[in-house]
């Protein structure tokens, strides 16, 4: 399961934006594996690693088996909540949103602990969005925002999704959630870049015109604010200043 999480962590920014699992340090994981192997040798047992895990120990993570394959193998050893969430995220990252929807729906059916509820809801939203069900994705993200331990990624994703769907009420809820997070200034810039990349991944501009008369005015008010929501809205509207610095250097 940890190998799958490491492999999945190489799949890109959307893991963080939609609530990926906490990162697993590669070198610490490899050290743990070597300890397990050494204990097996001392006890006279055979090498406990199968071929896939031996590749993970010896090769660069981008040369490992896919995250979905590793996550599936982990579920065969231990069917647990974290494993099902990991498999759903891996299927989504691997371009199989419908498979991810089925996996995450099954996780929700079995019941999810409060600790992981927002992560499952956020991952389900990502699978809905990739499947073209934008309204359902927004609904799932808004549910994630209700969880007291919700991470900052779904807060930003819900604002982007609300603007793409054109729902002023949901956009205001997402904006309030971002402000409640009280993000430190150093945390805003990477989120701005991730929001911009999410929009670029969608390959479509923010649809201000179809959003109705209230949302553009609210968006402009947010963009003038000095609060975290203002920085994020300016990044969505104008691009992140870091992008302009990079273009100038070229």
C-alpha atoms as a PDB file:
ATOM      1  CA  UNK A   1       0.000   0.000   0.000  1.00  0.00           C
ATOM      2  CA  UNK A   2       2.865   2.395   0.799  1.00  0.00           C
ATOM      3  CA  UNK A   3       4.546   1.558  -2.522  1.00  0.00           C
ATOM      4  CA  UNK A   4       1.304   2.391  -4.322  1.00  0.00           C
ATOM      5  CA  UNK A   5       1.108   5.711  -2.449  1.00  0.00           C
ATOM      6  CA  UNK A   6       4.684   6.582  -3.449  1.00  0.00           C
ATOM      7  CA  UNK A   7       3.992   5.713  -7.096  1.00  0.00           C
ATOM      8  CA  UNK A   8       0.768   7.694  -7.011  1.00  0.00           C
ATOM      9  CA  UNK A   9       2.579  10.695  -5.569  1.00  0.00           C
ATOM     10  CA  UNK A  10       4.493  10.962  -8.848  1.00  0.00           C
ATOM     11  CA  UNK A  11       1.265  11.400 -10.839  1.00  0.00           C
ATOM     12  CA  UNK A  12       0.954  15.171 -10.391  1.00  0.00           C
ATOM     13  CA  UNK A  13      -0.610  18.085  -8.585  1.00  0.00           C
ATOM     14  CA  UNK A  14      -4.218  16.866  -8.793  1.00  0.00           C
ATOM     15  CA  UNK A  15      -3.420  14.386  -6.009  1.00  0.00           C
ATOM     16  CA  UNK A  16      -2.955  17.275  -3.607  1.00  0.00           C
ATOM     17  CA  UNK A  17      -5.774  19.411  -4.935  1.00  0.00           C
ATOM     18  CA  UNK A  18      -8.373  16.662  -4.628  1.00  0.00           C
ATOM     19  CA  UNK A  19      -7.161  15.257  -1.341  1.00  0.00           C
ATOM     20  CA  UNK A  20      -4.523  12.621  -1.977  1.00  0.00           C
ATOM     21  CA  UNK A  21      -3.092  10.474   0.780  1.00  0.00           C
ATOM     22  CA  UNK A  22      -0.218  11.861   2.882  1.00  0.00           C
ATOM     23  CA  UNK A  23       3.163  11.396   1.157  1.00  0.00           C
ATOM     24  CA  UNK A  24       5.375   8.447   2.051  1.00  0.00           C
ATOM     25  CA  UNK A  25       9.135   9.235   2.049  1.00  0.00           C
ATOM     26  CA  UNK A  26      10.800   6.963  -0.501  1.00  0.00           C
ATOM     27  CA  UNK A  27      14.081   6.372   1.318  1.00  0.00           C
ATOM     28  CA  UNK A  28      12.375   5.717   4.655  1.00  0.00           C
ATOM     29  CA  UNK A  29      10.105   3.181   2.941  1.00  0.00           C
ATOM     30  CA  UNK A  30      13.055   1.408   1.312  1.00  0.00           C
ATOM     31  CA  UNK A  31      14.823   1.242   4.669  1.00  0.00           C
ATOM     32  CA  UNK A  32      11.739  -0.337   6.252  1.00  0.00           C
ATOM     33  CA  UNK A  33      11.605  -2.903   3.442  1.00  0.00           C
ATOM     34  CA  UNK A  34      15.246  -3.847   3.947  1.00  0.00           C
ATOM     35  CA  UNK A  35      14.599  -4.354   7.669  1.00  0.00           C
ATOM     36  CA  UNK A  36      11.715  -6.707   6.844  1.00  0.00           C
ATOM     37  CA  UNK A  37      13.927  -8.644   4.432  1.00  0.00           C
ATOM     38  CA  UNK A  38      16.778  -8.892   6.965  1.00  0.00           C
ATOM     39  CA  UNK A  39      14.433 -10.239   9.628  1.00  0.00           C
ATOM     40  CA  UNK A  40      13.159 -12.848   7.180  1.00  0.00           C
ATOM     41  CA  UNK A  41      16.733 -14.005   6.467  1.00  0.00           C
ATOM     42  CA  UNK A  42      17.550 -14.239  10.195  1.00  0.00           C
ATOM     43  CA  UNK A  43      14.434 -16.346  10.751  1.00  0.00           C
ATOM     44  CA  UNK A  44      15.328 -18.652   7.859  1.00  0.00           C
ATOM     45  CA  UNK A  45      12.381 -17.609   5.719  1.00  0.00           C
ATOM     46  CA  UNK A  46      12.440 -16.842   2.013  1.00  0.00           C
ATOM     47  CA  UNK A  47      12.477 -13.282   0.637  1.00  0.00           C
ATOM     48  CA  UNK A  48       8.994 -11.870   1.419  1.00  0.00           C
ATOM     49  CA  UNK A  49       9.034  -9.526  -1.588  1.00  0.00           C
ATOM     50  CA  UNK A  50       7.346 -10.480  -4.832  1.00  0.00           C
ATOM     51  CA  UNK A  51       8.700  -9.378  -8.212  1.00  0.00           C
ATOM     52  CA  UNK A  52       6.780  -6.069  -8.242  1.00  0.00           C
ATOM     53  CA  UNK A  53       8.079  -5.023  -4.837  1.00  0.00           C
ATOM     54  CA  UNK A  54      11.645  -5.959  -5.759  1.00  0.00           C
ATOM     55  CA  UNK A  55      11.353  -3.573  -8.704  1.00  0.00           C
ATOM     56  CA  UNK A  56      10.125  -0.894  -6.305  1.00  0.00           C
ATOM     57  CA  UNK A  57      13.154  -1.356  -4.069  1.00  0.00           C
ATOM     58  CA  UNK A  58      15.676  -1.241  -6.913  1.00  0.00           C
ATOM     59  CA  UNK A  59      14.265   1.130  -9.538  1.00  0.00           C
ATOM     60  CA  UNK A  60      13.149   4.753  -9.857  1.00  0.00           C
ATOM     61  CA  UNK A  61       9.453   5.159  -8.885  1.00  0.00           C
ATOM     62  CA  UNK A  62       8.488   6.149 -12.425  1.00  0.00           C
ATOM     63  CA  UNK A  63       9.689   2.683 -13.545  1.00  0.00           C
ATOM     64  CA  UNK A  64       7.581   0.874 -10.938  1.00  0.00           C
ATOM     65  CA  UNK A  65       4.394  -1.028 -11.746  1.00  0.00           C
ATOM     66  CA  UNK A  66       1.353   1.224 -11.903  1.00  0.00           C
ATOM     67  CA  UNK A  67      -0.171   2.554  -8.692  1.00  0.00           C
ATOM     68  CA  UNK A  68      -3.464   0.771  -9.409  1.00  0.00           C
ATOM     69  CA  UNK A  69      -1.680  -2.573  -9.770  1.00  0.00           C
ATOM     70  CA  UNK A  70       0.164  -2.065  -6.477  1.00  0.00           C
ATOM     71  CA  UNK A  71      -2.992  -0.889  -4.705  1.00  0.00           C
ATOM     72  CA  UNK A  72      -4.920  -3.922  -5.971  1.00  0.00           C
ATOM     73  CA  UNK A  73      -2.172  -6.203  -4.656  1.00  0.00           C
ATOM     74  CA  UNK A  74      -2.371  -4.503  -1.257  1.00  0.00           C
ATOM     75  CA  UNK A  75      -6.125  -5.086  -1.074  1.00  0.00           C
ATOM     76  CA  UNK A  76      -5.586  -8.794  -1.683  1.00  0.00           C
ATOM     77  CA  UNK A  77      -3.375  -8.835   1.405  1.00  0.00           C
ATOM     78  CA  UNK A  78      -5.530  -6.533   3.532  1.00  0.00           C
ATOM     79  CA  UNK A  79      -8.921  -5.208   2.451  1.00  0.00           C
ATOM     80  CA  UNK A  80      -9.114  -1.879   4.263  1.00  0.00           C
ATOM     81  CA  UNK A  81     -10.464   1.640   3.920  1.00  0.00           C
ATOM     82  CA  UNK A  82      -7.094   3.205   3.098  1.00  0.00           C
ATOM     83  CA  UNK A  83      -6.470   0.609   0.401  1.00  0.00           C
ATOM     84  CA  UNK A  84      -9.820   1.223  -1.297  1.00  0.00           C
ATOM     85  CA  UNK A  85      -9.260   4.980  -1.237  1.00  0.00           C
ATOM     86  CA  UNK A  86      -5.782   4.488  -2.656  1.00  0.00           C
ATOM     87  CA  UNK A  87      -7.080   2.251  -5.446  1.00  0.00           C
ATOM     88  CA  UNK A  88      -9.752   4.787  -6.369  1.00  0.00           C
ATOM     89  CA  UNK A  89      -7.171   7.564  -6.533  1.00  0.00           C
ATOM     90  CA  UNK A  90      -4.837   5.368  -8.583  1.00  0.00           C
ATOM     91  CA  UNK A  91      -7.577   4.486 -11.074  1.00  0.00           C
ATOM     92  CA  UNK A  92      -8.433   8.157 -11.423  1.00  0.00           C
ATOM     93  CA  UNK A  93      -4.792   9.130 -11.983  1.00  0.00           C
ATOM     94  CA  UNK A  94      -4.490   6.306 -14.512  1.00  0.00           C
ATOM     95  CA  UNK A  95      -7.270   7.736 -16.676  1.00  0.00           C
ATOM     96  CA  UNK A  96     -10.003   5.321 -15.558  1.00  0.00           C
ATOM     97  CA  UNK A  97     -12.558   7.621 -13.892  1.00  0.00           C
ATOM     98  CA  UNK A  98     -15.457   5.181 -14.199  1.00  0.00           C
ATOM     99  CA  UNK A  99     -13.481   2.449 -12.446  1.00  0.00           C
ATOM    100  CA  UNK A 100     -12.554   5.004  -9.768  1.00  0.00           C
ATOM    101  CA  UNK A 101     -16.228   5.904  -9.322  1.00  0.00           C
ATOM    102  CA  UNK A 102     -17.108   2.242  -8.754  1.00  0.00           C
ATOM    103  CA  UNK A 103     -14.247   1.740  -6.272  1.00  0.00           C
ATOM    104  CA  UNK A 104     -15.019   4.891  -4.294  1.00  0.00           C
ATOM    105  CA  UNK A 105     -18.767   4.255  -4.324  1.00  0.00           C
ATOM    106  CA  UNK A 106     -18.075   0.834  -2.809  1.00  0.00           C
ATOM    107  CA  UNK A 107     -15.863   2.476  -0.180  1.00  0.00           C
ATOM    108  CA  UNK A 108     -18.696   4.849   0.716  1.00  0.00           C
ATOM    109  CA  UNK A 109     -21.191   1.990   0.814  1.00  0.00           C
ATOM    110  CA  UNK A 110     -19.048   0.116   3.338  1.00  0.00           C
ATOM    111  CA  UNK A 111     -18.702   3.208   5.493  1.00  0.00           C
ATOM    112  CA  UNK A 112     -15.750   5.552   5.872  1.00  0.00           C
ATOM    113  CA  UNK A 113     -14.131   6.781   9.064  1.00  0.00           C
ATOM    114  CA  UNK A 114     -14.433  10.456   9.885  1.00  0.00           C
ATOM    115  CA  UNK A 115     -10.689  10.844   9.368  1.00  0.00           C
ATOM    116  CA  UNK A 116     -10.889   9.819   5.697  1.00  0.00           C
ATOM    117  CA  UNK A 117     -14.413  10.941   4.805  1.00  0.00           C
ATOM    118  CA  UNK A 118     -13.333  14.194   3.186  1.00  0.00           C
ATOM    119  CA  UNK A 119     -10.633  12.393   1.210  1.00  0.00           C
ATOM    120  CA  UNK A 120     -13.092   9.865  -0.203  1.00  0.00           C
ATOM    121  CA  UNK A 121     -15.586  12.625  -1.063  1.00  0.00           C
ATOM    122  CA  UNK A 122     -12.867  14.711  -2.737  1.00  0.00           C
ATOM    123  CA  UNK A 123     -11.579  11.735  -4.726  1.00  0.00           C
ATOM    124  CA  UNK A 124     -15.151  10.876  -5.739  1.00  0.00           C
ATOM    125  CA  UNK A 125     -15.540  14.474  -6.919  1.00  0.00           C
ATOM    126  CA  UNK A 126     -12.416  14.159  -9.037  1.00  0.00           C
ATOM    127  CA  UNK A 127     -13.752  10.993 -10.668  1.00  0.00           C
ATOM    128  CA  UNK A 128     -17.106  12.688 -11.328  1.00  0.00           C
ATOM    129  CA  UNK A 129     -15.414  15.699 -12.891  1.00  0.00           C
ATOM    130  CA  UNK A 130     -13.277  13.476 -15.166  1.00  0.00           C
ATOM    131  CA  UNK A 131     -16.448  11.584 -16.148  1.00  0.00           C
ATOM    132  CA  UNK A 132     -18.212  14.789 -17.192  1.00  0.00           C
ATOM    133  CA  UNK A 133     -20.566  14.923 -14.180  1.00  0.00           C
ATOM    134  CA  UNK A 134     -19.607  18.436 -13.082  1.00  0.00           C
ATOM    135  CA  UNK A 135     -22.684  19.070 -10.928  1.00  0.00           C
ATOM    136  CA  UNK A 136     -22.184  15.808  -9.030  1.00  0.00           C
ATOM    137  CA  UNK A 137     -18.507  16.674  -8.572  1.00  0.00           C
ATOM    138  CA  UNK A 138     -19.466  20.018  -7.053  1.00  0.00           C
ATOM    139  CA  UNK A 139     -22.010  18.379  -4.758  1.00  0.00           C
ATOM    140  CA  UNK A 140     -19.386  15.935  -3.497  1.00  0.00           C
ATOM    141  CA  UNK A 141     -16.857  18.711  -2.883  1.00  0.00           C
ATOM    142  CA  UNK A 142     -19.398  20.735  -0.912  1.00  0.00           C
ATOM    143  CA  UNK A 143     -20.028  17.678   1.254  1.00  0.00           C
ATOM    144  CA  UNK A 144     -16.281  17.397   1.827  1.00  0.00           C
ATOM    145  CA  UNK A 145     -16.215  21.014   3.017  1.00  0.00           C
ATOM    146  CA  UNK A 146     -18.626  20.101   5.815  1.00  0.00           C
ATOM    147  CA  UNK A 147     -16.080  17.756   7.349  1.00  0.00           C
ATOM    148  CA  UNK A 148     -14.259  19.537  10.221  1.00  0.00           C
ATOM    149  CA  UNK A 149     -10.849  18.134   9.192  1.00  0.00           C
ATOM    150  CA  UNK A 150     -11.216  18.874   5.465  1.00  0.00           C
ATOM    151  CA  UNK A 151      -7.895  19.705   3.813  1.00  0.00           C
ATOM    152  CA  UNK A 152      -7.191  22.876   1.890  1.00  0.00           C
ATOM    153  CA  UNK A 153      -7.140  21.201  -1.536  1.00  0.00           C
ATOM    154  CA  UNK A 154     -10.918  20.547  -1.774  1.00  0.00           C
ATOM    155  CA  UNK A 155     -11.577  24.123  -0.648  1.00  0.00           C
ATOM    156  CA  UNK A 156      -9.825  25.425  -3.771  1.00  0.00           C
ATOM    157  CA  UNK A 157     -11.208  22.679  -6.002  1.00  0.00           C
ATOM    158  CA  UNK A 158     -14.766  23.498  -4.895  1.00  0.00           C
ATOM    159  CA  UNK A 159     -14.318  27.142  -5.883  1.00  0.00           C
ATOM    160  CA  UNK A 160     -12.973  26.182  -9.309  1.00  0.00           C
ATOM    161  CA  UNK A 161     -15.785  23.674  -9.808  1.00  0.00           C
ATOM    162  CA  UNK A 162     -18.450  26.176  -8.725  1.00  0.00           C
ATOM    163  CA  UNK A 163     -17.135  28.734 -11.210  1.00  0.00           C
ATOM    164  CA  UNK A 164     -17.006  26.147 -14.000  1.00  0.00           C
ATOM    165  CA  UNK A 165     -20.562  24.997 -13.267  1.00  0.00           C
ATOM    166  CA  UNK A 166     -21.726  28.584 -12.851  1.00  0.00           C
ATOM    167  CA  UNK A 167     -23.268  28.286  -9.382  1.00  0.00           C
ATOM    168  CA  UNK A 168     -22.952  31.560  -7.493  1.00  0.00           C
ATOM    169  CA  UNK A 169     -24.224  30.145  -4.193  1.00  0.00           C
ATOM    170  CA  UNK A 170     -21.706  27.283  -4.233  1.00  0.00           C
ATOM    171  CA  UNK A 171     -18.908  29.681  -5.166  1.00  0.00           C
ATOM    172  CA  UNK A 172     -19.725  31.833  -2.136  1.00  0.00           C
ATOM    173  CA  UNK A 173     -19.714  28.738   0.118  1.00  0.00           C
ATOM    174  CA  UNK A 174     -16.310  27.707  -1.276  1.00  0.00           C
ATOM    175  CA  UNK A 175     -14.927  31.238  -0.870  1.00  0.00           C
ATOM    176  CA  UNK A 176     -16.035  31.304   2.770  1.00  0.00           C
ATOM    177  CA  UNK A 177     -14.388  27.901   3.335  1.00  0.00           C
ATOM    178  CA  UNK A 178     -11.102  29.178   1.910  1.00  0.00           C
ATOM    179  CA  UNK A 179     -11.179  32.208   4.201  1.00  0.00           C
ATOM    180  CA  UNK A 180     -11.994  30.062   7.231  1.00  0.00           C
ATOM    181  CA  UNK A 181      -8.871  27.992   6.564  1.00  0.00           C
ATOM    182  CA  UNK A 182      -6.716  31.024   7.492  1.00  0.00           C
ATOM    183  CA  UNK A 183      -3.985  29.953   5.124  1.00  0.00           C
ATOM    184  CA  UNK A 184      -0.525  31.355   5.737  1.00  0.00           C
ATOM    185  CA  UNK A 185       0.845  33.569   2.920  1.00  0.00           C
ATOM    186  CA  UNK A 186       3.471  30.952   2.026  1.00  0.00           C
ATOM    187  CA  UNK A 187       0.673  28.407   1.469  1.00  0.00           C
ATOM    188  CA  UNK A 188      -1.231  30.581  -1.017  1.00  0.00           C
ATOM    189  CA  UNK A 189       1.263  30.706  -3.891  1.00  0.00           C
ATOM    190  CA  UNK A 190       1.501  26.936  -4.501  1.00  0.00           C
ATOM    191  CA  UNK A 191      -2.281  26.677  -4.337  1.00  0.00           C
ATOM    192  CA  UNK A 192      -2.575  29.478  -6.887  1.00  0.00           C
ATOM    193  CA  UNK A 193      -0.343  27.556  -9.267  1.00  0.00           C
ATOM    194  CA  UNK A 194      -2.305  24.366  -8.715  1.00  0.00           C
ATOM    195  CA  UNK A 195      -5.613  26.107  -9.384  1.00  0.00           C
ATOM    196  CA  UNK A 196      -4.224  27.528 -12.620  1.00  0.00           C
ATOM    197  CA  UNK A 197      -2.991  24.087 -13.678  1.00  0.00           C
ATOM    198  CA  UNK A 198      -6.344  22.545 -12.885  1.00  0.00           C
ATOM    199  CA  UNK A 199      -8.011  25.059 -15.187  1.00  0.00           C
ATOM    200  CA  UNK A 200      -5.413  24.403 -17.876  1.00  0.00           C
ATOM    201  CA  UNK A 201      -6.003  20.671 -17.495  1.00  0.00           C
ATOM    202  CA  UNK A 202      -9.680  21.318 -18.225  1.00  0.00           C
ATOM    203  CA  UNK A 203      -8.615  23.214 -21.375  1.00  0.00           C
ATOM    204  CA  UNK A 204     -11.418  25.708 -20.991  1.00  0.00           C
ATOM    205  CA  UNK A 205     -11.603  29.277 -19.668  1.00  0.00           C
ATOM    206  CA  UNK A 206     -13.581  30.309 -16.642  1.00  0.00           C
ATOM    207  CA  UNK A 207     -17.131  30.741 -18.014  1.00  0.00           C
ATOM    208  CA  UNK A 208     -17.904  34.163 -16.508  1.00  0.00           C
ATOM    209  CA  UNK A 209     -20.595  35.049 -19.020  1.00  0.00           C
ATOM    210  CA  UNK A 210     -22.865  31.992 -18.461  1.00  0.00           C
ATOM    211  CA  UNK A 211     -22.597  32.321 -14.682  1.00  0.00           C
ATOM    212  CA  UNK A 212     -25.403  34.843 -14.359  1.00  0.00           C
ATOM    213  CA  UNK A 213     -25.299  38.472 -13.223  1.00  0.00           C
ATOM    214  CA  UNK A 214     -24.305  37.887  -9.575  1.00  0.00           C
ATOM    215  CA  UNK A 215     -21.217  35.720  -9.803  1.00  0.00           C
ATOM    216  CA  UNK A 216     -18.944  38.044 -11.844  1.00  0.00           C
ATOM    217  CA  UNK A 217     -19.540  40.890  -9.363  1.00  0.00           C
ATOM    218  CA  UNK A 218     -18.822  38.611  -6.412  1.00  0.00           C
ATOM    219  CA  UNK A 219     -15.703  37.303  -8.117  1.00  0.00           C
ATOM    220  CA  UNK A 220     -14.406  40.831  -8.712  1.00  0.00           C
ATOM    221  CA  UNK A 221     -15.046  41.688  -5.055  1.00  0.00           C
ATOM    222  CA  UNK A 222     -13.066  38.638  -3.947  1.00  0.00           C
ATOM    223  CA  UNK A 223     -10.237  39.463  -6.343  1.00  0.00           C
ATOM    224  CA  UNK A 224      -9.858  42.910  -4.740  1.00  0.00           C
ATOM    225  CA  UNK A 225      -9.611  41.394  -1.273  1.00  0.00           C
ATOM    226  CA  UNK A 226      -6.353  41.033   0.655  1.00  0.00           C
ATOM    227  CA  UNK A 227      -7.613  37.752   2.150  1.00  0.00           C
ATOM    228  CA  UNK A 228      -6.548  34.324   0.787  1.00  0.00           C
ATOM    229  CA  UNK A 229      -9.590  34.187  -1.470  1.00  0.00           C
ATOM    230  CA  UNK A 230      -8.409  37.380  -3.149  1.00  0.00           C
ATOM    231  CA  UNK A 231      -5.033  35.935  -4.047  1.00  0.00           C
ATOM    232  CA  UNK A 232      -6.619  32.788  -5.461  1.00  0.00           C
ATOM    233  CA  UNK A 233      -9.163  34.710  -7.529  1.00  0.00           C
ATOM    234  CA  UNK A 234      -6.480  36.980  -8.962  1.00  0.00           C
ATOM    235  CA  UNK A 235      -4.461  33.890  -9.900  1.00  0.00           C
ATOM    236  CA  UNK A 236      -7.465  32.441 -11.712  1.00  0.00           C
ATOM    237  CA  UNK A 237      -8.303  35.707 -13.465  1.00  0.00           C
ATOM    238  CA  UNK A 238      -4.853  37.060 -14.302  1.00  0.00           C
ATOM    239  CA  UNK A 239      -2.485  34.133 -13.897  1.00  0.00           C
ATOM    240  CA  UNK A 240       0.041  33.638 -11.140  1.00  0.00           C
ATOM    241  CA  UNK A 241       2.803  36.292 -10.973  1.00  0.00           C
ATOM    242  CA  UNK A 242       5.362  33.499 -11.030  1.00  0.00           C
ATOM    243  CA  UNK A 243       4.068  32.495 -14.478  1.00  0.00           C
ATOM    244  CA  UNK A 244       4.683  36.018 -15.770  1.00  0.00           C
ATOM    245  CA  UNK A 245       8.185  36.091 -14.289  1.00  0.00           C
ATOM    246  CA  UNK A 246       8.970  32.828 -16.056  1.00  0.00           C
ATOM    247  CA  UNK A 247       7.649  34.153 -19.378  1.00  0.00           C
ATOM    248  CA  UNK A 248       9.738  37.333 -18.982  1.00  0.00           C
ATOM    249  CA  UNK A 249      12.894  35.311 -18.353  1.00  0.00           C
ATOM    250  CA  UNK A 250      12.282  33.383 -21.577  1.00  0.00           C
END
